[in-house]
């Protein structure tokens, strides 16, 4: 056995000459992979769906159902016409709050049905 094989078995790896590798935090490593794979936007969209109740509150969430999110449009079904009318006036504020929480201009419009 040579010295390199012994190092591998012992868990000590030899860095390549000239490599500038430094330890990276797990969070940074995951962020890099997500960015490289191009799924960051999808994760933000999923986060929008999970934030709905937190942003609008439990009372509004109880009478609404997030139906989907596509091409920047969040589609929300509202069971009660009175709440639907009230939500029409609140859509812009809700949209801004959702975008602020996910860290980007993900939600372009909110469609109530």
Protein backbone atom coordinates (compact mmCIF):
# COMPACT_ATOMS: atom_id res chain seq x y z
CA UNK A 1 0.00 0.00 0.00
CA UNK A 2 1.18 3.49 -0.71
CA UNK A 3 0.91 6.58 1.50
CA UNK A 4 -2.13 7.97 -0.36
CA UNK A 5 -4.11 4.77 0.24
CA UNK A 6 -3.20 4.90 3.93
CA UNK A 7 -4.47 8.49 4.16
CA UNK A 8 -7.77 7.58 2.53
CA UNK A 9 -8.31 4.72 4.94
CA UNK A 10 -7.52 6.91 7.92
CA UNK A 11 -9.96 9.60 6.78
CA UNK A 12 -7.25 12.15 6.00
CA UNK A 13 -7.50 13.34 2.42
CA UNK A 14 -4.75 15.11 0.59
CA UNK A 15 -5.81 18.37 -1.06
CA UNK A 16 -4.89 18.90 -4.67
CA UNK A 17 -1.98 21.20 -5.26
CA UNK A 18 -3.21 24.75 -5.72
CA UNK A 19 -6.72 24.04 -4.45
CA UNK A 20 -8.21 26.85 -2.42
CA UNK A 21 -10.82 24.75 -0.65
CA UNK A 22 -12.13 26.09 2.62
CA UNK A 23 -14.77 24.67 4.89
CA UNK A 24 -18.28 25.75 3.92
CA UNK A 25 -21.27 25.79 6.26
CA UNK A 26 -24.04 23.31 5.51
CA UNK A 27 -26.47 26.17 4.85
CA UNK A 28 -24.12 27.76 2.31
CA UNK A 29 -23.50 24.41 0.63
CA UNK A 30 -27.25 23.77 0.30
CA UNK A 31 -27.80 27.30 -1.04
CA UNK A 32 -25.09 26.76 -3.66
CA UNK A 33 -26.63 23.46 -4.78
CA UNK A 34 -30.13 24.98 -4.93
CA UNK A 35 -28.82 27.88 -7.02
CA UNK A 36 -26.84 25.58 -9.30
CA UNK A 37 -29.85 23.32 -9.91
CA UNK A 38 -32.15 26.28 -10.54
CA UNK A 39 -34.74 25.32 -7.94
CA UNK A 40 -34.48 28.44 -5.78
CA UNK A 41 -37.55 29.96 -7.45
CA UNK A 42 -39.60 26.79 -6.91
CA UNK A 43 -38.66 26.79 -3.24
CA UNK A 44 -39.79 30.40 -2.92
CA UNK A 45 -43.10 29.50 -4.57
CA UNK A 46 -43.61 26.65 -2.11
CA UNK A 47 -42.80 29.00 0.74
CA UNK A 48 -45.53 31.40 -0.49
CA UNK A 49 -48.08 28.59 -0.21
CA UNK A 50 -46.98 27.69 3.30
CA UNK A 51 -46.98 31.34 4.46
CA UNK A 52 -50.59 32.08 3.48
CA UNK A 53 -52.11 31.42 6.91
CA UNK A 54 -49.35 33.30 8.70
CA UNK A 55 -49.78 36.38 6.49
CA UNK A 56 -53.59 36.56 6.34
CA UNK A 57 -54.33 35.19 9.81
CA UNK A 58 -56.30 32.15 10.97
CA UNK A 59 -59.75 33.70 10.44
CA UNK A 60 -59.15 34.53 6.77
CA UNK A 61 -57.26 31.28 6.19
CA UNK A 62 -60.30 29.37 7.49
CA UNK A 63 -62.53 30.76 4.71
CA UNK A 64 -59.93 30.63 1.93
CA UNK A 65 -58.11 27.89 0.09
CA UNK A 66 -54.91 28.43 -1.88
CA UNK A 67 -55.61 26.66 -5.16
CA UNK A 68 -52.29 27.11 -6.88
CA UNK A 69 -49.39 29.25 -7.92
CA UNK A 70 -48.36 29.63 -11.53
CA UNK A 71 -46.51 32.26 -13.57
CA UNK A 72 -46.45 34.62 -10.58
CA UNK A 73 -50.20 34.40 -10.01
CA UNK A 74 -51.44 33.08 -6.67
CA UNK A 75 -54.97 31.70 -7.05
CA UNK A 76 -57.11 31.70 -3.92
CA UNK A 77 -60.63 30.35 -3.54
CA UNK A 78 -62.80 32.34 -1.12
CA UNK A 79 -65.94 30.68 0.23
CA UNK A 80 -67.63 33.78 1.62
CA UNK A 81 -68.54 36.69 -0.72
CA UNK A 82 -68.08 39.22 2.09
CA UNK A 83 -64.53 38.03 2.72
CA UNK A 84 -63.85 37.96 -1.04
CA UNK A 85 -64.91 41.61 -1.29
CA UNK A 86 -62.72 42.58 1.68
CA UNK A 87 -59.76 40.61 0.31
CA UNK A 88 -59.95 42.46 -3.01
CA UNK A 89 -58.97 45.61 -1.13
CA UNK A 90 -56.22 43.81 0.79
CA UNK A 91 -54.62 41.93 -2.13
CA UNK A 92 -51.79 44.40 -2.69
CA UNK A 93 -50.82 44.46 0.99
CA UNK A 94 -50.96 40.66 1.19
CA UNK A 95 -48.88 40.37 -2.00
CA UNK A 96 -46.23 42.74 -0.63
CA UNK A 97 -46.09 40.89 2.70
CA UNK A 98 -45.71 37.51 0.98
CA UNK A 99 -42.92 38.82 -1.25
CA UNK A 100 -41.14 40.41 1.70
CA UNK A 101 -41.22 37.12 3.62
CA UNK A 102 -39.86 35.02 0.73
CA UNK A 103 -37.25 37.61 -0.21
CA UNK A 104 -38.14 38.44 -3.78
CA UNK A 105 -40.83 39.52 -6.22
CA UNK A 106 -42.36 36.04 -6.49
CA UNK A 107 -46.08 36.89 -6.29
CA UNK A 108 -47.06 39.22 -9.14
CA UNK A 109 -50.84 39.03 -8.69
CA UNK A 110 -53.40 37.41 -6.43
CA UNK A 111 -56.49 36.05 -8.15
CA UNK A 112 -59.58 35.53 -5.99
CA UNK A 113 -62.27 33.15 -7.15
